[in-house]
């Protein structure tokens, strides 16, 4: 999310998301983006499941990492990377679509601390994982 000297950070974030090869491979969608929150949706296809039919933990980690990075990059107004994150798996994720919602809890010039909740979308939504991470500007 390279800062374009006053450029629109949200449009820049959308463009970067659309260009991520791994995101395209998984089939993720940037469903909602604002200065306060970001939402990523991921349809669960058979290739993303583990042997018991639940979403693989790596898929949940991808969602947490990506959502945290985008929330932090928006807060830092530029290109950013996750420097660390922790995830808690609360229950097995089984359903058609996963939704990750991230927000910035605190940010300064050098880092942003963000939180992400991951849900199975089916009604009622079920919280399946929570994560928290630190995002730093690139360069």
C-alpha atoms as a PDB file:
ATOM      1  CA  UNK A   1       0.000   0.000   0.000  1.00  0.00           C
ATOM      2  CA  UNK A   2       2.561   2.536  -1.099  1.00  0.00           C
ATOM      3  CA  UNK A   3       1.519   6.020  -0.007  1.00  0.00           C
ATOM      4  CA  UNK A   4       0.909   8.141  -3.065  1.00  0.00           C
ATOM      5  CA  UNK A   5       1.327  11.552  -1.364  1.00  0.00           C
ATOM      6  CA  UNK A   6      -2.271  12.217  -0.492  1.00  0.00           C
ATOM      7  CA  UNK A   7      -3.603   9.518  -2.813  1.00  0.00           C
ATOM      8  CA  UNK A   8      -6.691   7.607  -1.831  1.00  0.00           C
ATOM      9  CA  UNK A   9      -5.453   4.843   0.484  1.00  0.00           C
ATOM     10  CA  UNK A  10      -8.682   2.872   0.123  1.00  0.00           C
ATOM     11  CA  UNK A  11      -8.414   2.728  -3.671  1.00  0.00           C
ATOM     12  CA  UNK A  12      -4.760   1.796  -3.340  1.00  0.00           C
ATOM     13  CA  UNK A  13      -5.680  -1.001  -0.917  1.00  0.00           C
ATOM     14  CA  UNK A  14      -8.306  -2.311  -3.352  1.00  0.00           C
ATOM     15  CA  UNK A  15      -5.750  -2.333  -6.173  1.00  0.00           C
ATOM     16  CA  UNK A  16      -3.152  -4.178  -4.107  1.00  0.00           C
ATOM     17  CA  UNK A  17      -5.707  -6.752  -2.958  1.00  0.00           C
ATOM     18  CA  UNK A  18      -6.727  -7.402  -6.568  1.00  0.00           C
ATOM     19  CA  UNK A  19      -3.070  -7.936  -7.551  1.00  0.00           C
ATOM     20  CA  UNK A  20      -2.144 -10.472  -4.838  1.00  0.00           C
ATOM     21  CA  UNK A  21      -1.465 -13.793  -6.602  1.00  0.00           C
ATOM     22  CA  UNK A  22      -2.163 -15.954  -3.516  1.00  0.00           C
ATOM     23  CA  UNK A  23      -5.419 -14.109  -2.832  1.00  0.00           C
ATOM     24  CA  UNK A  24      -6.497 -14.663  -6.432  1.00  0.00           C
ATOM     25  CA  UNK A  25      -5.550 -18.340  -6.177  1.00  0.00           C
ATOM     26  CA  UNK A  26      -7.711 -18.809  -3.063  1.00  0.00           C
ATOM     27  CA  UNK A  27     -10.636 -16.846  -4.509  1.00  0.00           C
ATOM     28  CA  UNK A  28     -10.899 -14.234  -1.748  1.00  0.00           C
ATOM     29  CA  UNK A  29     -13.038 -11.135  -2.166  1.00  0.00           C
ATOM     30  CA  UNK A  30     -12.545  -7.732  -0.587  1.00  0.00           C
ATOM     31  CA  UNK A  31     -16.154  -7.344   0.508  1.00  0.00           C
ATOM     32  CA  UNK A  32     -15.944  -4.116   2.499  1.00  0.00           C
ATOM     33  CA  UNK A  33     -13.238  -1.571   3.150  1.00  0.00           C
ATOM     34  CA  UNK A  34     -13.225   1.695   5.086  1.00  0.00           C
ATOM     35  CA  UNK A  35     -10.872   3.726   7.273  1.00  0.00           C
ATOM     36  CA  UNK A  36     -12.225   1.817  10.289  1.00  0.00           C
ATOM     37  CA  UNK A  37     -12.720  -1.787   9.129  1.00  0.00           C
ATOM     38  CA  UNK A  38     -11.959  -4.282   6.423  1.00  0.00           C
ATOM     39  CA  UNK A  39     -13.900  -7.402   5.481  1.00  0.00           C
ATOM     40  CA  UNK A  40     -12.607 -10.288   3.387  1.00  0.00           C
ATOM     41  CA  UNK A  41     -14.855 -13.147   2.213  1.00  0.00           C
ATOM     42  CA  UNK A  42     -13.567 -16.536   1.157  1.00  0.00           C
ATOM     43  CA  UNK A  43     -15.802 -19.217  -0.379  1.00  0.00           C
ATOM     44  CA  UNK A  44     -14.718 -22.589   0.999  1.00  0.00           C
ATOM     45  CA  UNK A  45     -13.936 -25.024  -1.780  1.00  0.00           C
ATOM     46  CA  UNK A  46     -12.863 -28.635  -1.166  1.00  0.00           C
ATOM     47  CA  UNK A  47      -9.185 -27.829  -1.771  1.00  0.00           C
ATOM     48  CA  UNK A  48      -9.195 -25.541   1.312  1.00  0.00           C
ATOM     49  CA  UNK A  49     -10.410 -28.201   3.733  1.00  0.00           C
ATOM     50  CA  UNK A  50      -8.493 -30.566   5.972  1.00  0.00           C
ATOM     51  CA  UNK A  51      -9.163 -34.286   6.405  1.00  0.00           C
ATOM     52  CA  UNK A  52     -12.230 -33.812   8.658  1.00  0.00           C
ATOM     53  CA  UNK A  53     -13.987 -31.457   6.243  1.00  0.00           C
ATOM     54  CA  UNK A  54     -13.221 -28.254   8.177  1.00  0.00           C
ATOM     55  CA  UNK A  55     -11.401 -25.208   6.805  1.00  0.00           C
ATOM     56  CA  UNK A  56      -7.662 -25.806   7.127  1.00  0.00           C
ATOM     57  CA  UNK A  57      -5.996 -23.760   9.865  1.00  0.00           C
ATOM     58  CA  UNK A  58      -3.693 -22.258   7.249  1.00  0.00           C
ATOM     59  CA  UNK A  59      -6.728 -20.823   5.464  1.00  0.00           C
ATOM     60  CA  UNK A  60      -7.890 -19.143   8.673  1.00  0.00           C
ATOM     61  CA  UNK A  61      -4.352 -17.853   9.243  1.00  0.00           C
ATOM     62  CA  UNK A  62      -4.248 -16.425   5.714  1.00  0.00           C
ATOM     63  CA  UNK A  63      -7.505 -14.558   6.352  1.00  0.00           C
ATOM     64  CA  UNK A  64      -6.283 -13.191   9.685  1.00  0.00           C
ATOM     65  CA  UNK A  65      -2.888 -12.149   8.302  1.00  0.00           C
ATOM     66  CA  UNK A  66      -4.282 -10.471   5.202  1.00  0.00           C
ATOM     67  CA  UNK A  67      -7.125  -8.667   6.974  1.00  0.00           C
ATOM     68  CA  UNK A  68      -4.798  -7.468   9.761  1.00  0.00           C
ATOM     69  CA  UNK A  69      -2.254  -6.204   7.229  1.00  0.00           C
ATOM     70  CA  UNK A  70      -4.838  -4.267   5.235  1.00  0.00           C
ATOM     71  CA  UNK A  71      -6.415  -2.721   8.338  1.00  0.00           C
ATOM     72  CA  UNK A  72      -2.967  -1.708   9.590  1.00  0.00           C
ATOM     73  CA  UNK A  73      -1.805  -0.421   6.212  1.00  0.00           C
ATOM     74  CA  UNK A  74      -4.857   1.811   5.975  1.00  0.00           C
ATOM     75  CA  UNK A  75      -4.223   3.132   9.490  1.00  0.00           C
ATOM     76  CA  UNK A  76      -0.545   3.741   8.635  1.00  0.00           C
ATOM     77  CA  UNK A  77      -1.548   5.282   5.275  1.00  0.00           C
ATOM     78  CA  UNK A  78       0.859   3.268   3.170  1.00  0.00           C
ATOM     79  CA  UNK A  79       2.536   0.024   2.233  1.00  0.00           C
ATOM     80  CA  UNK A  80       2.665  -2.321   5.214  1.00  0.00           C
ATOM     81  CA  UNK A  81       3.565  -5.810   6.387  1.00  0.00           C
ATOM     82  CA  UNK A  82       2.465  -7.900   9.333  1.00  0.00           C
ATOM     83  CA  UNK A  83       5.417  -8.215  11.715  1.00  0.00           C
ATOM     84  CA  UNK A  84       3.640 -10.724  13.959  1.00  0.00           C
ATOM     85  CA  UNK A  85       0.231 -12.123  14.768  1.00  0.00           C
ATOM     86  CA  UNK A  86      -1.383 -14.630  17.073  1.00  0.00           C
ATOM     87  CA  UNK A  87      -4.476 -16.614  16.253  1.00  0.00           C
ATOM     88  CA  UNK A  88      -6.850 -18.554  18.469  1.00  0.00           C
ATOM     89  CA  UNK A  89      -8.962 -21.232  16.792  1.00  0.00           C
ATOM     90  CA  UNK A  90     -12.247 -21.284  18.713  1.00  0.00           C
ATOM     91  CA  UNK A  91     -14.128 -24.044  16.910  1.00  0.00           C
ATOM     92  CA  UNK A  92     -13.916 -25.958  13.633  1.00  0.00           C
ATOM     93  CA  UNK A  93     -14.888 -23.863  10.611  1.00  0.00           C
ATOM     94  CA  UNK A  94     -17.376 -25.647   8.389  1.00  0.00           C
ATOM     95  CA  UNK A  95     -19.657 -23.894   5.946  1.00  0.00           C
ATOM     96  CA  UNK A  96     -19.805 -22.308   2.522  1.00  0.00           C
ATOM     97  CA  UNK A  97     -18.101 -18.954   3.203  1.00  0.00           C
ATOM     98  CA  UNK A  98     -15.614 -17.581   5.738  1.00  0.00           C
ATOM     99  CA  UNK A  99     -15.647 -13.878   6.617  1.00  0.00           C
ATOM    100  CA  UNK A 100     -12.719 -12.041   8.214  1.00  0.00           C
ATOM    101  CA  UNK A 101     -13.329  -8.629   9.787  1.00  0.00           C
ATOM    102  CA  UNK A 102     -10.361  -6.596  10.979  1.00  0.00           C
ATOM    103  CA  UNK A 103      -9.950  -3.239  12.642  1.00  0.00           C
ATOM    104  CA  UNK A 104      -7.094  -1.197  14.049  1.00  0.00           C
ATOM    105  CA  UNK A 105      -6.962  -1.002  17.823  1.00  0.00           C
ATOM    106  CA  UNK A 106      -4.051   1.440  18.018  1.00  0.00           C
ATOM    107  CA  UNK A 107      -1.678   3.057  15.550  1.00  0.00           C
ATOM    108  CA  UNK A 108       1.241   5.436  15.506  1.00  0.00           C
ATOM    109  CA  UNK A 109       3.952   6.265  12.990  1.00  0.00           C
ATOM    110  CA  UNK A 110       5.848   2.987  13.327  1.00  0.00           C
ATOM    111  CA  UNK A 111       3.194   0.369  13.948  1.00  0.00           C
ATOM    112  CA  UNK A 112      -0.484  -0.461  14.127  1.00  0.00           C
ATOM    113  CA  UNK A 113      -2.012  -3.128  16.343  1.00  0.00           C
ATOM    114  CA  UNK A 114      -5.022  -4.774  14.746  1.00  0.00           C
ATOM    115  CA  UNK A 115      -7.636  -7.367  15.640  1.00  0.00           C
ATOM    116  CA  UNK A 116      -9.420  -9.791  13.340  1.00  0.00           C
ATOM    117  CA  UNK A 117     -12.504 -11.945  13.922  1.00  0.00           C
ATOM    118  CA  UNK A 118     -13.232 -14.802  11.528  1.00  0.00           C
ATOM    119  CA  UNK A 119     -16.757 -16.146  11.106  1.00  0.00           C
ATOM    120  CA  UNK A 120     -18.581 -18.818   9.187  1.00  0.00           C
ATOM    121  CA  UNK A 121     -21.122 -16.744   7.273  1.00  0.00           C
ATOM    122  CA  UNK A 122     -24.196 -18.985   7.531  1.00  0.00           C
ATOM    123  CA  UNK A 123     -27.025 -17.656   9.710  1.00  0.00           C
ATOM    124  CA  UNK A 124     -26.424 -17.320  12.471  1.00  0.00           C
ATOM    125  CA  UNK A 125     -22.817 -16.248  11.964  1.00  0.00           C
ATOM    126  CA  UNK A 126     -20.453 -18.355  14.024  1.00  0.00           C
ATOM    127  CA  UNK A 127     -17.172 -16.983  15.354  1.00  0.00           C
ATOM    128  CA  UNK A 128     -14.462 -19.561  14.576  1.00  0.00           C
ATOM    129  CA  UNK A 129     -11.194 -17.694  15.214  1.00  0.00           C
ATOM    130  CA  UNK A 130      -9.788 -14.463  16.619  1.00  0.00           C
ATOM    131  CA  UNK A 131      -6.394 -12.947  15.908  1.00  0.00           C
ATOM    132  CA  UNK A 132      -4.339  -9.937  16.892  1.00  0.00           C
ATOM    133  CA  UNK A 133      -1.254  -8.653  15.140  1.00  0.00           C
ATOM    134  CA  UNK A 134       1.222  -5.855  14.664  1.00  0.00           C
ATOM    135  CA  UNK A 135       1.622  -4.169  11.294  1.00  0.00           C
ATOM    136  CA  UNK A 136       4.617  -2.034  10.303  1.00  0.00           C
ATOM    137  CA  UNK A 137       5.188   0.284   7.357  1.00  0.00           C
ATOM    138  CA  UNK A 138       7.407  -0.938   4.528  1.00  0.00           C
ATOM    139  CA  UNK A 139      10.614   1.017   4.115  1.00  0.00           C
END
